[in-house]
């Protein structure tokens, strides 16, 4: 039997260690490369992933790990219903620009849904964690405090991507949320802002990979939120090519389904990544 509380604490430590590896790369400088899909990748991505892979092998030996850079290299382990999804550096574009809103992400999937996760922002030293059914928390320089979603007020606040906000997203929000406030931030921190009760809705109407979303999804579920796929059903994992076609996250209330607002996507070629 897995002690999930202990496991969450251990992956939280692993996320912090990976964050330190990223900051060490920043201190000594790095070059930016590009993958086949033109998305950026750096030494920091790879260094953080190596730290996480080693830590997970110690914390949960035998549980498969599907990690972004390993997948990019063609190394995808056989896995059943329980496995880790790892994005060692989400928000690489913001990272390369010198921004603060990039994250280390470690999530555990069990039977097609996120069960626990940790999201760490190295630049701000803010760590979000969540165990579904047990609650979510934020840990920073002042310690660890519980977090939870909020009840929506008269005017909703939406959070969306700095890099991926587009007309379909604006059209969707006009229908689903009406006139609303807006917060722009990069990476999986968008899930965490909803989990903290600082925003109400986060739509993503273009593709992401499952490792982009698993950890933040877990934190939000643990905080009382929900994440729906295009058909309005809960977003599930274990899909073909680890692809999320789109999703909408809220503080626990049922949103308008996003299916009719999605961007066209052929399903061929490289998978667009990043949240």
C-alpha atoms as a PDB file:
ATOM      1  CA  UNK A   1       0.000   0.000   0.000  1.00  0.00           C
ATOM      2  CA  UNK A   2       1.232   3.490  -0.895  1.00  0.00           C
ATOM      3  CA  UNK A   3       1.315   6.079   1.893  1.00  0.00           C
ATOM      4  CA  UNK A   4       0.094   8.962  -0.257  1.00  0.00           C
ATOM      5  CA  UNK A   5       0.665  11.613   2.382  1.00  0.00           C
ATOM      6  CA  UNK A   6       4.302  10.603   2.711  1.00  0.00           C
ATOM      7  CA  UNK A   7       4.626  10.362  -1.063  1.00  0.00           C
ATOM      8  CA  UNK A   8       3.313  13.899  -1.532  1.00  0.00           C
ATOM      9  CA  UNK A   9       5.858  15.208   0.970  1.00  0.00           C
ATOM     10  CA  UNK A  10       8.631  13.381  -0.891  1.00  0.00           C
ATOM     11  CA  UNK A  11       7.639  14.675  -4.324  1.00  0.00           C
ATOM     12  CA  UNK A  12       7.394  18.170  -2.839  1.00  0.00           C
ATOM     13  CA  UNK A  13      11.025  17.830  -1.753  1.00  0.00           C
ATOM     14  CA  UNK A  14      11.917  16.506  -5.209  1.00  0.00           C
ATOM     15  CA  UNK A  15      10.234  19.509  -6.839  1.00  0.00           C
ATOM     16  CA  UNK A  16      12.257  21.875  -4.654  1.00  0.00           C
ATOM     17  CA  UNK A  17      15.485  20.031  -5.502  1.00  0.00           C
ATOM     18  CA  UNK A  18      14.653  20.226  -9.206  1.00  0.00           C
ATOM     19  CA  UNK A  19      13.975  23.930  -8.771  1.00  0.00           C
ATOM     20  CA  UNK A  20      17.415  24.406  -7.247  1.00  0.00           C
ATOM     21  CA  UNK A  21      18.929  22.606 -10.251  1.00  0.00           C
ATOM     22  CA  UNK A  22      17.122  25.076 -12.519  1.00  0.00           C
ATOM     23  CA  UNK A  23      18.368  28.078 -10.546  1.00  0.00           C
ATOM     24  CA  UNK A  24      21.929  26.732 -10.684  1.00  0.00           C
ATOM     25  CA  UNK A  25      21.683  26.655 -14.486  1.00  0.00           C
ATOM     26  CA  UNK A  26      20.393  30.239 -14.421  1.00  0.00           C
ATOM     27  CA  UNK A  27      23.346  31.331 -12.279  1.00  0.00           C
ATOM     28  CA  UNK A  28      25.944  29.935 -14.671  1.00  0.00           C
ATOM     29  CA  UNK A  29      24.087  30.718 -17.913  1.00  0.00           C
ATOM     30  CA  UNK A  30      22.627  28.482 -20.589  1.00  0.00           C
ATOM     31  CA  UNK A  31      21.848  28.149 -24.292  1.00  0.00           C
ATOM     32  CA  UNK A  32      18.369  27.748 -25.721  1.00  0.00           C
ATOM     33  CA  UNK A  33      17.650  24.922 -28.156  1.00  0.00           C
ATOM     34  CA  UNK A  34      14.429  24.126 -29.994  1.00  0.00           C
ATOM     35  CA  UNK A  35      12.536  20.869 -30.384  1.00  0.00           C
ATOM     36  CA  UNK A  36      10.933  19.683 -33.614  1.00  0.00           C
ATOM     37  CA  UNK A  37       7.736  21.553 -32.711  1.00  0.00           C
ATOM     38  CA  UNK A  38       9.817  24.765 -32.302  1.00  0.00           C
ATOM     39  CA  UNK A  39       9.200  24.895 -28.544  1.00  0.00           C
ATOM     40  CA  UNK A  40      12.278  25.927 -26.534  1.00  0.00           C
ATOM     41  CA  UNK A  41      14.272  23.559 -24.334  1.00  0.00           C
ATOM     42  CA  UNK A  42      17.299  24.288 -22.148  1.00  0.00           C
ATOM     43  CA  UNK A  43      19.845  22.551 -19.980  1.00  0.00           C
ATOM     44  CA  UNK A  44      17.604  23.513 -17.046  1.00  0.00           C
ATOM     45  CA  UNK A  45      14.756  21.319 -18.343  1.00  0.00           C
ATOM     46  CA  UNK A  46      17.052  18.309 -18.558  1.00  0.00           C
ATOM     47  CA  UNK A  47      18.840  18.930 -15.252  1.00  0.00           C
ATOM     48  CA  UNK A  48      15.552  19.243 -13.374  1.00  0.00           C
ATOM     49  CA  UNK A  49      14.165  16.088 -14.960  1.00  0.00           C
ATOM     50  CA  UNK A  50      17.207  14.031 -13.942  1.00  0.00           C
ATOM     51  CA  UNK A  51      16.767  15.170 -10.325  1.00  0.00           C
ATOM     52  CA  UNK A  52      13.095  14.205 -10.381  1.00  0.00           C
ATOM     53  CA  UNK A  53      13.639  10.818 -12.004  1.00  0.00           C
ATOM     54  CA  UNK A  54      16.193   9.890  -9.340  1.00  0.00           C
ATOM     55  CA  UNK A  55      13.957  11.121  -6.513  1.00  0.00           C
ATOM     56  CA  UNK A  56      10.893   9.230  -7.755  1.00  0.00           C
ATOM     57  CA  UNK A  57      12.906   6.042  -8.140  1.00  0.00           C
ATOM     58  CA  UNK A  58      13.695   6.305  -4.424  1.00  0.00           C
ATOM     59  CA  UNK A  59      10.261   7.452  -3.265  1.00  0.00           C
ATOM     60  CA  UNK A  60       8.114   5.072  -5.325  1.00  0.00           C
ATOM     61  CA  UNK A  61      10.247   2.309  -6.837  1.00  0.00           C
ATOM     62  CA  UNK A  62       8.439   0.450  -9.569  1.00  0.00           C
ATOM     63  CA  UNK A  63       5.946   3.216 -10.387  1.00  0.00           C
ATOM     64  CA  UNK A  64       6.513   4.255 -14.025  1.00  0.00           C
ATOM     65  CA  UNK A  65       7.461   7.865 -14.758  1.00  0.00           C
ATOM     66  CA  UNK A  66       6.379   9.551 -17.976  1.00  0.00           C
ATOM     67  CA  UNK A  67       8.480  12.701 -18.217  1.00  0.00           C
ATOM     68  CA  UNK A  68       8.495  15.321 -20.948  1.00  0.00           C
ATOM     69  CA  UNK A  69      12.141  15.191 -21.979  1.00  0.00           C
ATOM     70  CA  UNK A  70      12.235  11.392 -21.730  1.00  0.00           C
ATOM     71  CA  UNK A  71       9.244  11.206 -24.074  1.00  0.00           C
ATOM     72  CA  UNK A  72      10.927  13.671 -26.441  1.00  0.00           C
ATOM     73  CA  UNK A  73      13.907  11.289 -26.530  1.00  0.00           C
ATOM     74  CA  UNK A  74      11.617   8.349 -27.333  1.00  0.00           C
ATOM     75  CA  UNK A  75      11.795   6.761 -23.883  1.00  0.00           C
ATOM     76  CA  UNK A  76       8.262   5.942 -22.753  1.00  0.00           C
ATOM     77  CA  UNK A  77       7.985   3.248 -20.071  1.00  0.00           C
ATOM     78  CA  UNK A  78       5.275   0.622 -20.076  1.00  0.00           C
ATOM     79  CA  UNK A  79       2.619   1.641 -17.589  1.00  0.00           C
ATOM     80  CA  UNK A  80      -0.719   0.572 -16.202  1.00  0.00           C
ATOM     81  CA  UNK A  81      -3.270   2.647 -14.302  1.00  0.00           C
ATOM     82  CA  UNK A  82      -0.789   4.213 -11.844  1.00  0.00           C
ATOM     83  CA  UNK A  83       2.120   6.345 -13.027  1.00  0.00           C
ATOM     84  CA  UNK A  84       3.776   9.724 -12.605  1.00  0.00           C
ATOM     85  CA  UNK A  85       3.542  12.536 -15.142  1.00  0.00           C
ATOM     86  CA  UNK A  86       6.435  15.007 -14.957  1.00  0.00           C
ATOM     87  CA  UNK A  87       7.034  18.363 -16.583  1.00  0.00           C
ATOM     88  CA  UNK A  88      10.400  19.468 -15.207  1.00  0.00           C
ATOM     89  CA  UNK A  89      10.065  23.056 -16.416  1.00  0.00           C
ATOM     90  CA  UNK A  90       6.659  24.282 -17.502  1.00  0.00           C
ATOM     91  CA  UNK A  91       6.610  27.769 -18.944  1.00  0.00           C
ATOM     92  CA  UNK A  92       9.999  27.523 -20.667  1.00  0.00           C
ATOM     93  CA  UNK A  93       9.146  30.537 -22.837  1.00  0.00           C
ATOM     94  CA  UNK A  94       8.655  32.659 -19.718  1.00  0.00           C
ATOM     95  CA  UNK A  95      11.804  31.164 -18.213  1.00  0.00           C
ATOM     96  CA  UNK A  96      13.876  32.106 -21.258  1.00  0.00           C
ATOM     97  CA  UNK A  97      12.444  35.634 -21.170  1.00  0.00           C
ATOM     98  CA  UNK A  98      13.580  35.988 -17.562  1.00  0.00           C
ATOM     99  CA  UNK A  99      10.083  35.820 -16.069  1.00  0.00           C
ATOM    100  CA  UNK A 100       9.119  34.333 -12.713  1.00  0.00           C
ATOM    101  CA  UNK A 101       6.099  32.255 -13.726  1.00  0.00           C
ATOM    102  CA  UNK A 102       7.652  28.921 -14.621  1.00  0.00           C
ATOM    103  CA  UNK A 103       7.192  25.761 -12.604  1.00  0.00           C
ATOM    104  CA  UNK A 104       8.351  22.245 -11.768  1.00  0.00           C
ATOM    105  CA  UNK A 105       5.456  19.771 -11.985  1.00  0.00           C
ATOM    106  CA  UNK A 106       5.088  16.247 -10.592  1.00  0.00           C
ATOM    107  CA  UNK A 107       1.705  14.505 -10.631  1.00  0.00           C
ATOM    108  CA  UNK A 108       0.559  10.971  -9.840  1.00  0.00           C
ATOM    109  CA  UNK A 109      -2.188   9.478 -12.000  1.00  0.00           C
ATOM    110  CA  UNK A 110      -4.333   6.649 -10.632  1.00  0.00           C
ATOM    111  CA  UNK A 111      -7.101   5.056 -12.697  1.00  0.00           C
ATOM    112  CA  UNK A 112      -7.160   7.870 -15.215  1.00  0.00           C
ATOM    113  CA  UNK A 113      -7.327  10.843 -12.838  1.00  0.00           C
ATOM    114  CA  UNK A 114      -4.761  12.920 -10.917  1.00  0.00           C
ATOM    115  CA  UNK A 115      -4.441  11.718  -7.324  1.00  0.00           C
ATOM    116  CA  UNK A 116      -1.741  14.005  -5.963  1.00  0.00           C
ATOM    117  CA  UNK A 117       0.629  16.633  -7.245  1.00  0.00           C
ATOM    118  CA  UNK A 118       3.222  19.274  -6.474  1.00  0.00           C
ATOM    119  CA  UNK A 119       3.841  22.511  -8.380  1.00  0.00           C
ATOM    120  CA  UNK A 120       6.945  24.513  -7.464  1.00  0.00           C
ATOM    121  CA  UNK A 121       7.880  27.984  -8.748  1.00  0.00           C
ATOM    122  CA  UNK A 122      11.668  28.237  -8.278  1.00  0.00           C
ATOM    123  CA  UNK A 123      11.883  31.997  -8.847  1.00  0.00           C
ATOM    124  CA  UNK A 124       9.422  32.791  -6.050  1.00  0.00           C
ATOM    125  CA  UNK A 125       9.971  29.694  -3.886  1.00  0.00           C
ATOM    126  CA  UNK A 126       6.207  29.064  -3.735  1.00  0.00           C
ATOM    127  CA  UNK A 127       5.205  25.396  -3.576  1.00  0.00           C
ATOM    128  CA  UNK A 128       1.659  24.133  -4.070  1.00  0.00           C
ATOM    129  CA  UNK A 129       0.705  20.581  -3.133  1.00  0.00           C
ATOM    130  CA  UNK A 130      -2.485  18.589  -3.096  1.00  0.00           C
ATOM    131  CA  UNK A 131      -3.790  15.122  -2.264  1.00  0.00           C
ATOM    132  CA  UNK A 132      -7.276  14.531  -3.627  1.00  0.00           C
ATOM    133  CA  UNK A 133      -9.696  13.833  -0.797  1.00  0.00           C
ATOM    134  CA  UNK A 134      -7.285  15.245   1.797  1.00  0.00           C
ATOM    135  CA  UNK A 135      -6.813  18.869   0.769  1.00  0.00           C
ATOM    136  CA  UNK A 136      -4.348  21.288  -0.813  1.00  0.00           C
ATOM    137  CA  UNK A 137      -1.761  23.674   0.571  1.00  0.00           C
ATOM    138  CA  UNK A 138       0.672  26.450  -0.266  1.00  0.00           C
ATOM    139  CA  UNK A 139       4.158  26.516   1.225  1.00  0.00           C
ATOM    140  CA  UNK A 140       6.390  29.600   1.084  1.00  0.00           C
ATOM    141  CA  UNK A 141       8.887  31.408   3.314  1.00  0.00           C
ATOM    142  CA  UNK A 142       6.255  31.807   6.040  1.00  0.00           C
ATOM    143  CA  UNK A 143       5.344  28.120   6.216  1.00  0.00           C
ATOM    144  CA  UNK A 144       2.558  25.874   4.916  1.00  0.00           C
ATOM    145  CA  UNK A 145      -1.087  26.939   4.864  1.00  0.00           C
ATOM    146  CA  UNK A 146      -4.192  25.145   3.563  1.00  0.00           C
ATOM    147  CA  UNK A 147      -5.841  26.543   0.429  1.00  0.00           C
ATOM    148  CA  UNK A 148      -9.253  26.059  -1.136  1.00  0.00           C
ATOM    149  CA  UNK A 149     -11.333  27.379  -3.993  1.00  0.00           C
ATOM    150  CA  UNK A 150     -13.837  30.173  -3.463  1.00  0.00           C
ATOM    151  CA  UNK A 151     -17.519  30.543  -4.162  1.00  0.00           C
ATOM    152  CA  UNK A 152     -17.991  32.671  -7.295  1.00  0.00           C
ATOM    153  CA  UNK A 153     -19.151  36.228  -6.726  1.00  0.00           C
ATOM    154  CA  UNK A 154     -21.220  38.528  -8.905  1.00  0.00           C
ATOM    155  CA  UNK A 155     -18.277  39.097 -11.239  1.00  0.00           C
ATOM    156  CA  UNK A 156     -16.027  36.176 -12.084  1.00  0.00           C
ATOM    157  CA  UNK A 157     -12.260  36.398 -12.466  1.00  0.00           C
ATOM    158  CA  UNK A 158     -10.685  34.421 -15.311  1.00  0.00           C
ATOM    159  CA  UNK A 159      -7.079  33.341 -15.544  1.00  0.00           C
ATOM    160  CA  UNK A 160      -5.551  32.480 -18.884  1.00  0.00           C
ATOM    161  CA  UNK A 161      -2.237  31.960 -20.612  1.00  0.00           C
ATOM    162  CA  UNK A 162       0.106  34.798 -21.503  1.00  0.00           C
ATOM    163  CA  UNK A 163       1.090  32.927 -24.665  1.00  0.00           C
ATOM    164  CA  UNK A 164      -2.145  31.221 -25.720  1.00  0.00           C
ATOM    165  CA  UNK A 165      -4.973  33.711 -25.129  1.00  0.00           C
ATOM    166  CA  UNK A 166      -6.898  34.033 -28.405  1.00  0.00           C
ATOM    167  CA  UNK A 167     -10.245  35.002 -29.880  1.00  0.00           C
ATOM    168  CA  UNK A 168     -11.903  31.613 -29.227  1.00  0.00           C
ATOM    169  CA  UNK A 169     -10.922  31.973 -25.541  1.00  0.00           C
ATOM    170  CA  UNK A 170     -12.372  35.477 -25.427  1.00  0.00           C
ATOM    171  CA  UNK A 171     -15.572  34.231 -27.098  1.00  0.00           C
ATOM    172  CA  UNK A 172     -15.842  31.334 -24.661  1.00  0.00           C
ATOM    173  CA  UNK A 173     -15.383  33.556 -21.610  1.00  0.00           C
ATOM    174  CA  UNK A 174     -17.990  35.993 -22.898  1.00  0.00           C
ATOM    175  CA  UNK A 175     -20.531  33.163 -22.920  1.00  0.00           C
ATOM    176  CA  UNK A 176     -19.374  31.196 -19.863  1.00  0.00           C
ATOM    177  CA  UNK A 177     -18.409  34.037 -17.520  1.00  0.00           C
ATOM    178  CA  UNK A 178     -19.884  37.217 -18.959  1.00  0.00           C
ATOM    179  CA  UNK A 179     -18.054  40.430 -18.132  1.00  0.00           C
ATOM    180  CA  UNK A 180     -15.203  39.243 -15.952  1.00  0.00           C
ATOM    181  CA  UNK A 181     -11.909  40.258 -14.483  1.00  0.00           C
ATOM    182  CA  UNK A 182      -8.770  38.791 -15.996  1.00  0.00           C
ATOM    183  CA  UNK A 183      -5.402  37.575 -14.717  1.00  0.00           C
ATOM    184  CA  UNK A 184      -2.605  36.678 -17.144  1.00  0.00           C
ATOM    185  CA  UNK A 185       0.137  34.317 -15.982  1.00  0.00           C
ATOM    186  CA  UNK A 186       2.281  31.586 -17.466  1.00  0.00           C
ATOM    187  CA  UNK A 187       2.655  27.869 -16.726  1.00  0.00           C
ATOM    188  CA  UNK A 188       0.611  25.617 -14.442  1.00  0.00           C
ATOM    189  CA  UNK A 189       0.346  28.452 -11.904  1.00  0.00           C
ATOM    190  CA  UNK A 190      -3.063  29.144 -13.470  1.00  0.00           C
ATOM    191  CA  UNK A 191      -4.455  26.002 -11.814  1.00  0.00           C
ATOM    192  CA  UNK A 192      -2.928  27.119  -8.528  1.00  0.00           C
ATOM    193  CA  UNK A 193      -4.474  30.595  -8.690  1.00  0.00           C
ATOM    194  CA  UNK A 194      -7.921  29.008  -8.980  1.00  0.00           C
ATOM    195  CA  UNK A 195      -7.010  26.552  -6.190  1.00  0.00           C
ATOM    196  CA  UNK A 196      -6.049  29.462  -3.922  1.00  0.00           C
ATOM    197  CA  UNK A 197      -9.392  31.165  -4.509  1.00  0.00           C
ATOM    198  CA  UNK A 198      -7.866  34.097  -6.391  1.00  0.00           C
ATOM    199  CA  UNK A 199      -9.683  33.307  -9.658  1.00  0.00           C
ATOM    200  CA  UNK A 200     -12.776  31.384 -10.720  1.00  0.00           C
ATOM    201  CA  UNK A 201     -12.217  29.936 -14.196  1.00  0.00           C
ATOM    202  CA  UNK A 202      -9.305  28.892 -16.417  1.00  0.00           C
ATOM    203  CA  UNK A 203     -10.132  27.820 -19.980  1.00  0.00           C
ATOM    204  CA  UNK A 204      -7.578  26.321 -22.367  1.00  0.00           C
ATOM    205  CA  UNK A 205      -8.936  25.946 -25.892  1.00  0.00           C
ATOM    206  CA  UNK A 206      -5.834  24.597 -27.595  1.00  0.00           C
ATOM    207  CA  UNK A 207      -3.834  21.378 -27.107  1.00  0.00           C
ATOM    208  CA  UNK A 208      -1.516  20.614 -24.210  1.00  0.00           C
ATOM    209  CA  UNK A 209       0.241  17.467 -23.095  1.00  0.00           C
ATOM    210  CA  UNK A 210      -0.902  15.532 -20.050  1.00  0.00           C
ATOM    211  CA  UNK A 211       2.366  16.210 -18.187  1.00  0.00           C
ATOM    212  CA  UNK A 212       1.627  19.953 -18.537  1.00  0.00           C
ATOM    213  CA  UNK A 213      -1.577  19.628 -16.541  1.00  0.00           C
ATOM    214  CA  UNK A 214      -1.392  16.621 -14.184  1.00  0.00           C
ATOM    215  CA  UNK A 215       0.224  18.276 -11.145  1.00  0.00           C
ATOM    216  CA  UNK A 216      -1.799  21.501 -11.275  1.00  0.00           C
ATOM    217  CA  UNK A 217      -4.966  19.502 -11.940  1.00  0.00           C
ATOM    218  CA  UNK A 218      -4.288  17.450  -8.800  1.00  0.00           C
ATOM    219  CA  UNK A 219      -3.755  20.561  -6.678  1.00  0.00           C
ATOM    220  CA  UNK A 220      -6.998  22.090  -7.949  1.00  0.00           C
ATOM    221  CA  UNK A 221      -9.013  18.898  -7.380  1.00  0.00           C
ATOM    222  CA  UNK A 222      -7.611  18.665  -3.842  1.00  0.00           C
ATOM    223  CA  UNK A 223      -8.639  22.294  -3.233  1.00  0.00           C
ATOM    224  CA  UNK A 224     -12.237  21.595  -4.291  1.00  0.00           C
ATOM    225  CA  UNK A 225     -12.120  22.540  -7.970  1.00  0.00           C
ATOM    226  CA  UNK A 226     -12.904  20.658 -11.148  1.00  0.00           C
ATOM    227  CA  UNK A 227     -11.363  20.305 -14.612  1.00  0.00           C
ATOM    228  CA  UNK A 228     -13.579  19.316 -17.542  1.00  0.00           C
ATOM    229  CA  UNK A 229     -12.589  18.114 -20.984  1.00  0.00           C
ATOM    230  CA  UNK A 230     -14.162  19.323 -24.238  1.00  0.00           C
ATOM    231  CA  UNK A 231     -17.304  17.198 -23.792  1.00  0.00           C
ATOM    232  CA  UNK A 232     -18.062  18.574 -20.334  1.00  0.00           C
ATOM    233  CA  UNK A 233     -16.975  15.390 -18.554  1.00  0.00           C
ATOM    234  CA  UNK A 234     -14.026  15.341 -16.126  1.00  0.00           C
ATOM    235  CA  UNK A 235     -10.694  15.548 -17.927  1.00  0.00           C
ATOM    236  CA  UNK A 236      -9.213  12.038 -18.004  1.00  0.00           C
ATOM    237  CA  UNK A 237      -5.641  10.842 -18.493  1.00  0.00           C
ATOM    238  CA  UNK A 238      -4.118   8.017 -20.507  1.00  0.00           C
ATOM    239  CA  UNK A 239      -5.250   9.456 -23.843  1.00  0.00           C
ATOM    240  CA  UNK A 240      -3.571   8.808 -27.173  1.00  0.00           C
ATOM    241  CA  UNK A 241      -0.170  10.529 -27.404  1.00  0.00           C
ATOM    242  CA  UNK A 242      -0.766  12.021 -23.924  1.00  0.00           C
ATOM    243  CA  UNK A 243      -2.751  14.795 -25.603  1.00  0.00           C
ATOM    244  CA  UNK A 244      -5.300  17.090 -23.974  1.00  0.00           C
ATOM    245  CA  UNK A 245      -7.469  18.525 -26.732  1.00  0.00           C
ATOM    246  CA  UNK A 246      -8.605  21.315 -24.406  1.00  0.00           C
ATOM    247  CA  UNK A 247     -10.092  21.836 -20.944  1.00  0.00           C
ATOM    248  CA  UNK A 248     -11.745  24.286 -18.592  1.00  0.00           C
ATOM    249  CA  UNK A 249     -10.981  24.475 -14.863  1.00  0.00           C
ATOM    250  CA  UNK A 250     -13.174  26.144 -12.243  1.00  0.00           C
ATOM    251  CA  UNK A 251     -13.475  26.539  -8.499  1.00  0.00           C
ATOM    252  CA  UNK A 252     -15.957  23.658  -8.346  1.00  0.00           C
ATOM    253  CA  UNK A 253     -18.934  24.978 -10.340  1.00  0.00           C
ATOM    254  CA  UNK A 254     -19.985  23.407 -13.622  1.00  0.00           C
ATOM    255  CA  UNK A 255     -18.908  25.558 -16.592  1.00  0.00           C
ATOM    256  CA  UNK A 256     -20.151  25.737 -20.168  1.00  0.00           C
ATOM    257  CA  UNK A 257     -18.551  22.934 -22.205  1.00  0.00           C
ATOM    258  CA  UNK A 258     -15.708  24.149 -24.409  1.00  0.00           C
ATOM    259  CA  UNK A 259     -16.135  21.686 -27.284  1.00  0.00           C
ATOM    260  CA  UNK A 260     -17.757  24.078 -29.757  1.00  0.00           C
ATOM    261  CA  UNK A 261     -15.103  26.741 -29.125  1.00  0.00           C
ATOM    262  CA  UNK A 262     -11.997  24.634 -29.738  1.00  0.00           C
ATOM    263  CA  UNK A 263      -9.412  25.584 -32.311  1.00  0.00           C
ATOM    264  CA  UNK A 264      -9.122  23.247 -35.298  1.00  0.00           C
ATOM    265  CA  UNK A 265      -6.441  20.609 -34.766  1.00  0.00           C
ATOM    266  CA  UNK A 266      -5.616  17.799 -37.171  1.00  0.00           C
ATOM    267  CA  UNK A 267      -3.993  15.566 -34.567  1.00  0.00           C
ATOM    268  CA  UNK A 268      -0.901  15.057 -36.715  1.00  0.00           C
ATOM    269  CA  UNK A 269       2.684  16.163 -36.182  1.00  0.00           C
ATOM    270  CA  UNK A 270       4.218  17.307 -32.954  1.00  0.00           C
ATOM    271  CA  UNK A 271       2.022  17.842 -29.884  1.00  0.00           C
ATOM    272  CA  UNK A 272       1.722  21.482 -28.800  1.00  0.00           C
ATOM    273  CA  UNK A 273       2.826  21.759 -25.188  1.00  0.00           C
ATOM    274  CA  UNK A 274       2.738  24.208 -22.307  1.00  0.00           C
ATOM    275  CA  UNK A 275      -0.084  25.712 -20.335  1.00  0.00           C
END
